[in-house]
Amino acid sequence: MPVKVVTDSVSDISLAIATSLGITVVPLNIVFGGYTYRDSVDMTTDEFYEKLENEDLHLTTSAPAPRVFAEAYDRLAAETDEIIVITIGRKLSATGDSAAKGIELMKKKCRVEVVVSEMAMMAEGLLAIAAAKAARGGTNLNELVELTRHNISRTGIRLAFDTLEYLKRGGRIGKAQALMGSMLGINPVLGIKDGEVFPHGRERSRAKALDRLYQFAVSYAHIEEMAVEDATTPDETNAFIERLGAIYPKERIYRSKVSPVIGANVGPRVIGVAVLGDR
């Protein structure tokens, strides 16, 4: 039986991708208005961003409870003897710890290994996609863990958006704090490395910020996988994908939406590009 792949909703893997590759996605939680919603389950991304843009919301996010992971493992244990779990970095969320604790709550017998990616968004998603493809090819659990850890160093992501205010509110601004003194009129470009947000640049226009994303993608000599995601700017994002088609087949670029949990921290006008490959 092939190894099953589990990840969390911050990986931003779409339902279509998860279904086609047999990836199980465990949702994080987002809390506002006195209610708790499962990320991208109890509310669509479009509904969330409409609220984010038009309502004064006090938002908090939280990791899935260990029992939620345990329930997912038990369901998959009927189909496999081995599971790999790829989660968001520990500096960004407690999800990895929750995934590990979930193993102790399992009712069925199945080997489960957790790999904390130190990534988020589709950078994490590409790791899960690569693992799922390898699992379908017969790669065993030990090999998948080694492959995923190797791929972490080969994966990068850059994000462009128009304000750091949401990151500041969420307390996850990390090394990007250095940009806070010049927030007004700036389009920040950030990356994620070693589980932490860091500044990649700041531009005076949206177009120049997207140029930064493009140059990041171009910096890879070999691209194995690529993904582009946005929250509320589909036309702009489609044009960006067309541009990326000059360096990578656009029909192979994974397209996804930034999940509400991430959107709560970066705001509605985010665009990101993630690459798995070699420089």
C-alpha atoms as a PDB file:
ATOM      1  CA  MET A   1       0.000   0.000   0.000  1.00  0.00           C
ATOM      2  CA  PRO A   2       1.416   3.419  -0.910  1.00  0.00           C
ATOM      3  CA  VAL A   3       2.316   5.951   1.760  1.00  0.00           C
ATOM      4  CA  LYS A   4      -0.420   8.522   2.384  1.00  0.00           C
ATOM      5  CA  VAL A   5       0.409  12.228   2.581  1.00  0.00           C
ATOM      6  CA  VAL A   6      -1.150  14.628   5.086  1.00  0.00           C
ATOM      7  CA  THR A   7      -0.594  18.377   5.242  1.00  0.00           C
ATOM      8  CA  ASP A   8      -2.310  21.390   6.792  1.00  0.00           C
ATOM      9  CA  SER A   9      -4.479  24.025   5.165  1.00  0.00           C
ATOM     10  CA  VAL A  10      -1.726  26.649   5.291  1.00  0.00           C
ATOM     11  CA  SER A  11      -0.111  24.677   2.454  1.00  0.00           C
ATOM     12  CA  ASP A  12      -2.784  26.327   0.266  1.00  0.00           C
ATOM     13  CA  ILE A  13      -3.250  23.147  -1.758  1.00  0.00           C
ATOM     14  CA  SER A  14      -6.551  23.420  -3.604  1.00  0.00           C
ATOM     15  CA  LEU A  15      -9.251  20.792  -3.271  1.00  0.00           C
ATOM     16  CA  ALA A  16      -8.667  19.790  -6.896  1.00  0.00           C
ATOM     17  CA  ILE A  17      -4.937  19.214  -6.342  1.00  0.00           C
ATOM     18  CA  ALA A  18      -5.507  17.381  -3.058  1.00  0.00           C
ATOM     19  CA  THR A  19      -8.111  15.115  -4.649  1.00  0.00           C
ATOM     20  CA  SER A  20      -6.043  14.311  -7.728  1.00  0.00           C
ATOM     21  CA  LEU A  21      -2.945  13.416  -5.680  1.00  0.00           C
ATOM     22  CA  GLY A  22      -4.688  11.821  -2.701  1.00  0.00           C
ATOM     23  CA  ILE A  23      -3.411  14.386  -0.196  1.00  0.00           C
ATOM     24  CA  THR A  24      -5.333  14.830   3.068  1.00  0.00           C
ATOM     25  CA  VAL A  25      -5.539  18.449   4.220  1.00  0.00           C
ATOM     26  CA  VAL A  26      -6.160  19.176   7.921  1.00  0.00           C
ATOM     27  CA  PRO A  27      -7.631  22.668   8.439  1.00  0.00           C
ATOM     28  CA  LEU A  28      -6.330  25.249  10.866  1.00  0.00           C
ATOM     29  CA  ASN A  29      -8.853  27.491  12.637  1.00  0.00           C
ATOM     30  CA  ILE A  30      -9.729  31.138  12.241  1.00  0.00           C
ATOM     31  CA  VAL A  31     -11.752  32.952  14.904  1.00  0.00           C
ATOM     32  CA  PHE A  32     -13.724  36.163  14.482  1.00  0.00           C
ATOM     33  CA  GLY A  33     -17.127  37.483  15.444  1.00  0.00           C
ATOM     34  CA  GLY A  34     -17.297  35.011  18.313  1.00  0.00           C
ATOM     35  CA  TYR A  35     -17.205  32.024  15.963  1.00  0.00           C
ATOM     36  CA  THR A  36     -14.520  29.509  15.038  1.00  0.00           C
ATOM     37  CA  TYR A  37     -14.253  28.501  11.396  1.00  0.00           C
ATOM     38  CA  ARG A  38     -12.188  25.720   9.886  1.00  0.00           C
ATOM     39  CA  ASP A  39      -9.842  27.215   7.322  1.00  0.00           C
ATOM     40  CA  SER A  40     -11.342  26.981   3.807  1.00  0.00           C
ATOM     41  CA  VAL A  41     -13.990  24.501   5.038  1.00  0.00           C
ATOM     42  CA  ASP A  42     -16.694  26.393   6.932  1.00  0.00           C
ATOM     43  CA  MET A  43     -16.265  29.525   4.831  1.00  0.00           C
ATOM     44  CA  THR A  44     -15.014  29.920   1.287  1.00  0.00           C
ATOM     45  CA  THR A  45     -11.944  32.018   0.616  1.00  0.00           C
ATOM     46  CA  ASP A  46     -14.052  34.493  -1.366  1.00  0.00           C
ATOM     47  CA  GLU A  47     -16.476  34.921   1.548  1.00  0.00           C
ATOM     48  CA  PHE A  48     -13.588  35.423   3.955  1.00  0.00           C
ATOM     49  CA  TYR A  49     -11.828  38.081   1.889  1.00  0.00           C
ATOM     50  CA  GLU A  50     -15.083  39.947   1.363  1.00  0.00           C
ATOM     51  CA  LYS A  51     -15.436  40.171   5.137  1.00  0.00           C
ATOM     52  CA  LEU A  52     -11.764  41.071   5.587  1.00  0.00           C
ATOM     53  CA  GLU A  53     -12.034  43.969   3.138  1.00  0.00           C
ATOM     54  CA  ASN A  54     -15.429  45.281   4.231  1.00  0.00           C
ATOM     55  CA  GLU A  55     -15.684  44.623   7.966  1.00  0.00           C
ATOM     56  CA  ASP A  56     -13.570  45.679  10.935  1.00  0.00           C
ATOM     57  CA  LEU A  57     -12.715  42.196  12.137  1.00  0.00           C
ATOM     58  CA  HIS A  58     -10.648  41.146  15.119  1.00  0.00           C
ATOM     59  CA  LEU A  59      -9.063  37.930  13.873  1.00  0.00           C
ATOM     60  CA  THR A  60      -7.129  35.193  15.580  1.00  0.00           C
ATOM     61  CA  THR A  61      -5.908  31.882  14.223  1.00  0.00           C
ATOM     62  CA  SER A  62      -5.052  28.584  15.885  1.00  0.00           C
ATOM     63  CA  ALA A  63      -3.598  25.168  15.107  1.00  0.00           C
ATOM     64  CA  PRO A  64      -5.827  22.107  14.724  1.00  0.00           C
ATOM     65  CA  ALA A  65      -6.301  20.124  17.914  1.00  0.00           C
ATOM     66  CA  PRO A  66      -4.263  16.891  18.142  1.00  0.00           C
ATOM     67  CA  ARG A  67      -7.493  14.866  18.009  1.00  0.00           C
ATOM     68  CA  VAL A  68      -8.240  16.317  14.548  1.00  0.00           C
ATOM     69  CA  PHE A  69      -4.955  14.925  13.272  1.00  0.00           C
ATOM     70  CA  ALA A  70      -5.605  11.621  15.083  1.00  0.00           C
ATOM     71  CA  GLU A  71      -8.974  11.307  13.347  1.00  0.00           C
ATOM     72  CA  ALA A  72      -7.329  11.895   9.968  1.00  0.00           C
ATOM     73  CA  TYR A  73      -4.640   9.297  10.703  1.00  0.00           C
ATOM     74  CA  ASP A  74      -7.219   6.731  11.781  1.00  0.00           C
ATOM     75  CA  ARG A  75      -9.223   7.237   8.579  1.00  0.00           C
ATOM     76  CA  LEU A  76      -6.121   6.758   6.456  1.00  0.00           C
ATOM     77  CA  ALA A  77      -4.978   3.729   8.483  1.00  0.00           C
ATOM     78  CA  ALA A  78      -7.745   1.775   6.771  1.00  0.00           C
ATOM     79  CA  GLU A  79      -5.919   2.341   3.480  1.00  0.00           C
ATOM     80  CA  THR A  80      -2.231   2.287   4.404  1.00  0.00           C
ATOM     81  CA  ASP A  81       0.366   1.275   6.979  1.00  0.00           C
ATOM     82  CA  GLU A  82       2.448   4.443   6.598  1.00  0.00           C
ATOM     83  CA  ILE A  83       1.682   8.162   6.680  1.00  0.00           C
ATOM     84  CA  ILE A  84       3.893  11.222   6.197  1.00  0.00           C
ATOM     85  CA  VAL A  85       2.685  14.534   7.624  1.00  0.00           C
ATOM     86  CA  ILE A  86       4.137  17.794   6.256  1.00  0.00           C
ATOM     87  CA  THR A  87       3.310  20.885   8.318  1.00  0.00           C
ATOM     88  CA  ILE A  88       3.938  24.604   8.550  1.00  0.00           C
ATOM     89  CA  GLY A  89       7.043  25.740  10.458  1.00  0.00           C
ATOM     90  CA  ARG A  90       6.973  25.796  14.262  1.00  0.00           C
ATOM     91  CA  LYS A  91       7.925  29.490  14.456  1.00  0.00           C
ATOM     92  CA  LEU A  92       4.741  30.309  12.559  1.00  0.00           C
ATOM     93  CA  SER A  93       2.305  27.861  14.158  1.00  0.00           C
ATOM     94  CA  ALA A  94       1.944  25.073  16.712  1.00  0.00           C
ATOM     95  CA  THR A  95       0.500  22.824  14.005  1.00  0.00           C
ATOM     96  CA  GLY A  96       3.588  20.609  13.831  1.00  0.00           C
ATOM     97  CA  ASP A  97       3.432  19.921  17.561  1.00  0.00           C
ATOM     98  CA  SER A  98      -0.280  19.181  17.300  1.00  0.00           C
ATOM     99  CA  ALA A  99       0.363  16.754  14.435  1.00  0.00           C
ATOM    100  CA  ALA A 100       2.952  14.915  16.536  1.00  0.00           C
ATOM    101  CA  LYS A 101       0.663  14.735  19.573  1.00  0.00           C
ATOM    102  CA  GLY A 102      -2.081  13.349  17.372  1.00  0.00           C
ATOM    103  CA  ILE A 103      -0.042  10.187  16.843  1.00  0.00           C
ATOM    104  CA  GLU A 104      -0.429   9.372  20.551  1.00  0.00           C
ATOM    105  CA  LEU A 105      -4.227   9.588  20.252  1.00  0.00           C
ATOM    106  CA  MET A 106      -4.598   7.161  17.359  1.00  0.00           C
ATOM    107  CA  LYS A 107      -6.935   4.206  17.789  1.00  0.00           C
ATOM    108  CA  LYS A 108      -5.574   2.221  14.828  1.00  0.00           C
ATOM    109  CA  LYS A 109      -2.113   0.875  14.160  1.00  0.00           C
ATOM    110  CA  CYS A 110      -0.181   2.800  11.536  1.00  0.00           C
ATOM    111  CA  ARG A 111       3.293   4.334  11.359  1.00  0.00           C
ATOM    112  CA  VAL A 112       3.189   8.132  11.144  1.00  0.00           C
ATOM    113  CA  GLU A 113       6.151  10.467  10.611  1.00  0.00           C
ATOM    114  CA  VAL A 114       5.856  14.261  10.936  1.00  0.00           C
ATOM    115  CA  VAL A 115       8.138  16.583   8.956  1.00  0.00           C
ATOM    116  CA  VAL A 116       7.971  20.248   9.960  1.00  0.00           C
ATOM    117  CA  SER A 117       8.608  22.043   6.685  1.00  0.00           C
ATOM    118  CA  GLU A 118       9.707  25.432   8.082  1.00  0.00           C
ATOM    119  CA  MET A 119       7.667  26.758   5.153  1.00  0.00           C
ATOM    120  CA  ALA A 120       4.109  27.915   4.544  1.00  0.00           C
ATOM    121  CA  MET A 121       1.702  28.571   1.687  1.00  0.00           C
ATOM    122  CA  MET A 122       2.488  26.817  -1.603  1.00  0.00           C
ATOM    123  CA  ALA A 123       6.145  26.389  -0.650  1.00  0.00           C
ATOM    124  CA  GLU A 124       4.814  23.907   1.888  1.00  0.00           C
ATOM    125  CA  GLY A 125       2.280  22.764  -0.681  1.00  0.00           C
ATOM    126  CA  LEU A 126       4.963  21.905  -3.235  1.00  0.00           C
ATOM    127  CA  LEU A 127       6.701  19.728  -0.651  1.00  0.00           C
ATOM    128  CA  ALA A 128       3.461  17.802  -0.110  1.00  0.00           C
ATOM    129  CA  ILE A 129       2.867  17.525  -3.862  1.00  0.00           C
ATOM    130  CA  ALA A 130       6.383  16.159  -4.443  1.00  0.00           C
ATOM    131  CA  ALA A 131       5.913  13.648  -1.625  1.00  0.00           C
ATOM    132  CA  ALA A 132       2.545  12.514  -2.998  1.00  0.00           C
ATOM    133  CA  LYS A 133       3.963  11.985  -6.482  1.00  0.00           C
ATOM    134  CA  ALA A 134       6.888  10.007  -5.079  1.00  0.00           C
ATOM    135  CA  ALA A 135       4.547   7.919  -2.906  1.00  0.00           C
ATOM    136  CA  ARG A 136       2.505   7.006  -5.977  1.00  0.00           C
ATOM    137  CA  GLY A 137       5.727   5.830  -7.570  1.00  0.00           C
ATOM    138  CA  GLY A 138       6.352   3.419  -4.707  1.00  0.00           C
ATOM    139  CA  THR A 139       8.717   5.429  -2.508  1.00  0.00           C
ATOM    140  CA  ASN A 140       8.592   4.142   1.072  1.00  0.00           C
ATOM    141  CA  LEU A 141       8.109   6.231   4.208  1.00  0.00           C
ATOM    142  CA  ASN A 142      11.774   6.441   5.208  1.00  0.00           C
ATOM    143  CA  GLU A 143      12.699   7.575   1.708  1.00  0.00           C
ATOM    144  CA  LEU A 144       9.845  10.096   1.652  1.00  0.00           C
ATOM    145  CA  VAL A 145      10.978  11.658   4.914  1.00  0.00           C
ATOM    146  CA  GLU A 146      14.525  11.970   3.548  1.00  0.00           C
ATOM    147  CA  LEU A 147      13.258  13.346   0.220  1.00  0.00           C
ATOM    148  CA  THR A 148      11.054  15.943   1.912  1.00  0.00           C
ATOM    149  CA  ARG A 149      13.816  17.136   4.205  1.00  0.00           C
ATOM    150  CA  HIS A 150      16.101  17.451   1.189  1.00  0.00           C
ATOM    151  CA  ASN A 151      13.453  19.356  -0.752  1.00  0.00           C
ATOM    152  CA  ILE A 152      12.989  21.890   2.049  1.00  0.00           C
ATOM    153  CA  SER A 153      16.389  23.375   1.167  1.00  0.00           C
ATOM    154  CA  ARG A 154      15.379  23.434  -2.521  1.00  0.00           C
ATOM    155  CA  THR A 155      12.109  25.288  -1.990  1.00  0.00           C
ATOM    156  CA  GLY A 156      11.540  29.021  -1.768  1.00  0.00           C
ATOM    157  CA  ILE A 157       8.686  31.500  -1.803  1.00  0.00           C
ATOM    158  CA  ARG A 158       8.297  35.226  -2.275  1.00  0.00           C
ATOM    159  CA  LEU A 159       5.207  37.333  -1.573  1.00  0.00           C
ATOM    160  CA  ALA A 160       4.203  40.782  -2.750  1.00  0.00           C
ATOM    161  CA  PHE A 161       1.459  42.799  -1.093  1.00  0.00           C
ATOM    162  CA  ASP A 162       0.649  46.359  -0.152  1.00  0.00           C
ATOM    163  CA  THR A 163       0.792  46.599   3.640  1.00  0.00           C
ATOM    164  CA  LEU A 164       2.559  45.054   6.621  1.00  0.00           C
ATOM    165  CA  GLU A 165      -0.277  46.022   8.927  1.00  0.00           C
ATOM    166  CA  TYR A 166      -1.872  42.563   8.943  1.00  0.00           C
ATOM    167  CA  LEU A 167       1.426  40.846   9.773  1.00  0.00           C
ATOM    168  CA  LYS A 168       1.955  43.336  12.563  1.00  0.00           C
ATOM    169  CA  ARG A 169      -1.506  42.636  14.009  1.00  0.00           C
ATOM    170  CA  GLY A 170      -0.950  38.897  13.842  1.00  0.00           C
ATOM    171  CA  GLY A 171       2.413  39.076  15.596  1.00  0.00           C
ATOM    172  CA  ARG A 172       4.165  37.065  12.869  1.00  0.00           C
ATOM    173  CA  ILE A 173       6.168  39.824  11.254  1.00  0.00           C
ATOM    174  CA  GLY A 174       9.520  38.318  12.306  1.00  0.00           C
ATOM    175  CA  LYS A 175      12.571  39.833  10.599  1.00  0.00           C
ATOM    176  CA  ALA A 176      10.273  41.908   8.376  1.00  0.00           C
ATOM    177  CA  GLN A 177       9.967  44.251  11.374  1.00  0.00           C
ATOM    178  CA  ALA A 178      12.875  46.087   9.750  1.00  0.00           C
ATOM    179  CA  LEU A 179      10.486  47.391   7.088  1.00  0.00           C
ATOM    180  CA  MET A 180       7.933  48.811   9.508  1.00  0.00           C
ATOM    181  CA  GLY A 181       9.500  52.262   9.611  1.00  0.00           C
ATOM    182  CA  SER A 182       8.672  52.863   5.961  1.00  0.00           C
ATOM    183  CA  MET A 183       5.302  51.193   5.528  1.00  0.00           C
ATOM    184  CA  LEU A 184       3.475  54.045   3.777  1.00  0.00           C
ATOM    185  CA  GLY A 185       3.652  53.960   0.005  1.00  0.00           C
ATOM    186  CA  ILE A 186       5.691  50.761   0.032  1.00  0.00           C
ATOM    187  CA  ASN A 187       4.931  47.408  -1.610  1.00  0.00           C
ATOM    188  CA  PRO A 188       6.799  44.922   0.603  1.00  0.00           C
ATOM    189  CA  VAL A 189       8.280  41.740  -0.857  1.00  0.00           C
ATOM    190  CA  LEU A 190       8.828  39.046   1.747  1.00  0.00           C
ATOM    191  CA  GLY A 191      10.114  35.499   1.845  1.00  0.00           C
ATOM    192  CA  ILE A 192       9.907  32.591   4.260  1.00  0.00           C
ATOM    193  CA  LYS A 193      12.990  30.697   5.373  1.00  0.00           C
ATOM    194  CA  ASP A 194      13.699  28.532   8.415  1.00  0.00           C
ATOM    195  CA  GLY A 195      10.090  29.047   9.510  1.00  0.00           C
ATOM    196  CA  GLU A 196      10.369  32.816   9.664  1.00  0.00           C
ATOM    197  CA  VAL A 197       9.228  35.734   7.533  1.00  0.00           C
ATOM    198  CA  PHE A 198      12.104  37.873   6.234  1.00  0.00           C
ATOM    199  CA  PRO A 199      12.303  41.021   4.052  1.00  0.00           C
ATOM    200  CA  HIS A 200      13.291  40.483   0.420  1.00  0.00           C
ATOM    201  CA  GLY A 201      12.787  44.059  -0.698  1.00  0.00           C
ATOM    202  CA  ARG A 202      10.481  47.050  -0.838  1.00  0.00           C
ATOM    203  CA  GLU A 203       9.224  48.724  -3.960  1.00  0.00           C
ATOM    204  CA  ARG A 204       7.396  51.954  -4.728  1.00  0.00           C
ATOM    205  CA  SER A 205       4.966  50.297  -7.128  1.00  0.00           C
ATOM    206  CA  ARG A 206       3.034  47.071  -7.475  1.00  0.00           C
ATOM    207  CA  ALA A 207       4.608  46.432 -10.880  1.00  0.00           C
ATOM    208  CA  LYS A 208       8.131  46.607  -9.458  1.00  0.00           C
ATOM    209  CA  ALA A 209       7.141  44.299  -6.598  1.00  0.00           C
ATOM    210  CA  LEU A 210       5.944  41.734  -9.142  1.00  0.00           C
ATOM    211  CA  ASP A 211       9.226  42.207 -11.001  1.00  0.00           C
ATOM    212  CA  ARG A 212      10.941  41.082  -7.790  1.00  0.00           C
ATOM    213  CA  LEU A 213       8.816  37.925  -7.735  1.00  0.00           C
ATOM    214  CA  TYR A 214       9.654  37.244 -11.363  1.00  0.00           C
ATOM    215  CA  GLN A 215      13.378  37.680 -10.778  1.00  0.00           C
ATOM    216  CA  PHE A 216      13.183  35.304  -7.848  1.00  0.00           C
ATOM    217  CA  ALA A 217      11.670  32.636 -10.112  1.00  0.00           C
ATOM    218  CA  VAL A 218      14.256  33.337 -12.827  1.00  0.00           C
ATOM    219  CA  SER A 219      17.055  32.783 -10.288  1.00  0.00           C
ATOM    220  CA  TYR A 220      16.406  29.024 -10.407  1.00  0.00           C
ATOM    221  CA  ALA A 221      18.526  27.219 -12.986  1.00  0.00           C
ATOM    222  CA  HIS A 222      16.255  24.175 -12.798  1.00  0.00           C
ATOM    223  CA  ILE A 223      12.590  24.303 -11.807  1.00  0.00           C
ATOM    224  CA  GLU A 224      10.925  21.061 -10.767  1.00  0.00           C
ATOM    225  CA  GLU A 225       7.628  22.523  -9.557  1.00  0.00           C
ATOM    226  CA  MET A 226       6.132  26.009  -9.465  1.00  0.00           C
ATOM    227  CA  ALA A 227       3.007  27.519  -7.928  1.00  0.00           C
ATOM    228  CA  VAL A 228       1.376  30.929  -8.015  1.00  0.00           C
ATOM    229  CA  GLU A 229      -1.331  32.035  -5.603  1.00  0.00           C
ATOM    230  CA  ASP A 230      -3.349  35.110  -4.801  1.00  0.00           C
ATOM    231  CA  ALA A 231      -6.230  36.236  -2.619  1.00  0.00           C
ATOM    232  CA  THR A 232      -8.372  38.754  -4.505  1.00  0.00           C
ATOM    233  CA  THR A 233      -6.510  39.722  -7.691  1.00  0.00           C
ATOM    234  CA  PRO A 234      -7.191  36.961 -10.275  1.00  0.00           C
ATOM    235  CA  ASP A 235      -6.667  39.068 -13.407  1.00  0.00           C
ATOM    236  CA  GLU A 236      -3.336  40.415 -12.184  1.00  0.00           C
ATOM    237  CA  THR A 237      -2.301  36.913 -11.158  1.00  0.00           C
ATOM    238  CA  ASN A 238      -3.282  35.397 -14.503  1.00  0.00           C
ATOM    239  CA  ALA A 239      -1.142  38.020 -16.248  1.00  0.00           C
ATOM    240  CA  PHE A 240       1.759  37.159 -13.944  1.00  0.00           C
ATOM    241  CA  ILE A 241       1.394  33.457 -14.800  1.00  0.00           C
ATOM    242  CA  GLU A 242       1.475  34.344 -18.498  1.00  0.00           C
ATOM    243  CA  ARG A 243       4.738  36.152 -17.880  1.00  0.00           C
ATOM    244  CA  LEU A 244       6.204  33.188 -15.991  1.00  0.00           C
ATOM    245  CA  GLY A 245       5.379  31.067 -19.022  1.00  0.00           C
ATOM    246  CA  ALA A 246       8.568  32.429 -20.584  1.00  0.00           C
ATOM    247  CA  ILE A 247      10.675  30.405 -18.118  1.00  0.00           C
ATOM    248  CA  TYR A 248       8.390  27.492 -17.172  1.00  0.00           C
ATOM    249  CA  PRO A 249       5.419  25.824 -18.922  1.00  0.00           C
ATOM    250  CA  LYS A 250       2.411  27.777 -17.669  1.00  0.00           C
ATOM    251  CA  GLU A 251       0.146  24.721 -17.898  1.00  0.00           C
ATOM    252  CA  ARG A 252       2.336  23.075 -15.244  1.00  0.00           C
ATOM    253  CA  ILE A 253       2.129  25.991 -12.813  1.00  0.00           C
ATOM    254  CA  TYR A 254      -0.100  25.145  -9.854  1.00  0.00           C
ATOM    255  CA  ARG A 255      -2.674  27.876  -9.239  1.00  0.00           C
ATOM    256  CA  SER A 256      -4.179  28.322  -5.790  1.00  0.00           C
ATOM    257  CA  LYS A 257      -5.796  30.783  -3.412  1.00  0.00           C
ATOM    258  CA  VAL A 258      -4.159  32.092  -0.262  1.00  0.00           C
ATOM    259  CA  SER A 259      -6.008  30.490   2.644  1.00  0.00           C
ATOM    260  CA  PRO A 260      -7.925  32.633   5.166  1.00  0.00           C
ATOM    261  CA  VAL A 261      -5.419  31.787   7.920  1.00  0.00           C
ATOM    262  CA  ILE A 262      -2.603  33.271   5.819  1.00  0.00           C
ATOM    263  CA  GLY A 263      -4.842  36.023   4.471  1.00  0.00           C
ATOM    264  CA  ALA A 264      -5.559  37.170   8.016  1.00  0.00           C
ATOM    265  CA  ASN A 265      -1.831  37.890   8.331  1.00  0.00           C
ATOM    266  CA  VAL A 266      -0.986  39.368   4.932  1.00  0.00           C
ATOM    267  CA  GLY A 267      -4.201  41.031   3.770  1.00  0.00           C
ATOM    268  CA  PRO A 268      -6.277  40.633   0.611  1.00  0.00           C
ATOM    269  CA  ARG A 269      -3.887  41.882  -2.080  1.00  0.00           C
ATOM    270  CA  VAL A 270      -1.177  39.273  -1.724  1.00  0.00           C
ATOM    271  CA  ILE A 271       0.419  37.413  -4.643  1.00  0.00           C
ATOM    272  CA  GLY A 272       2.975  34.672  -4.077  1.00  0.00           C
ATOM    273  CA  VAL A 273       5.235  32.493  -6.211  1.00  0.00           C
ATOM    274  CA  ALA A 274       6.796  29.307  -4.866  1.00  0.00           C
ATOM    275  CA  VAL A 275       9.495  27.230  -6.555  1.00  0.00           C
ATOM    276  CA  LEU A 276      10.927  23.784  -5.913  1.00  0.00           C
ATOM    277  CA  GLY A 277      14.185  23.388  -7.803  1.00  0.00           C
ATOM    278  CA  ASP A 278      17.899  24.135  -7.949  1.00  0.00           C
ATOM    279  CA  ARG A 279      19.750  27.421  -8.332  1.00  0.00           C
END
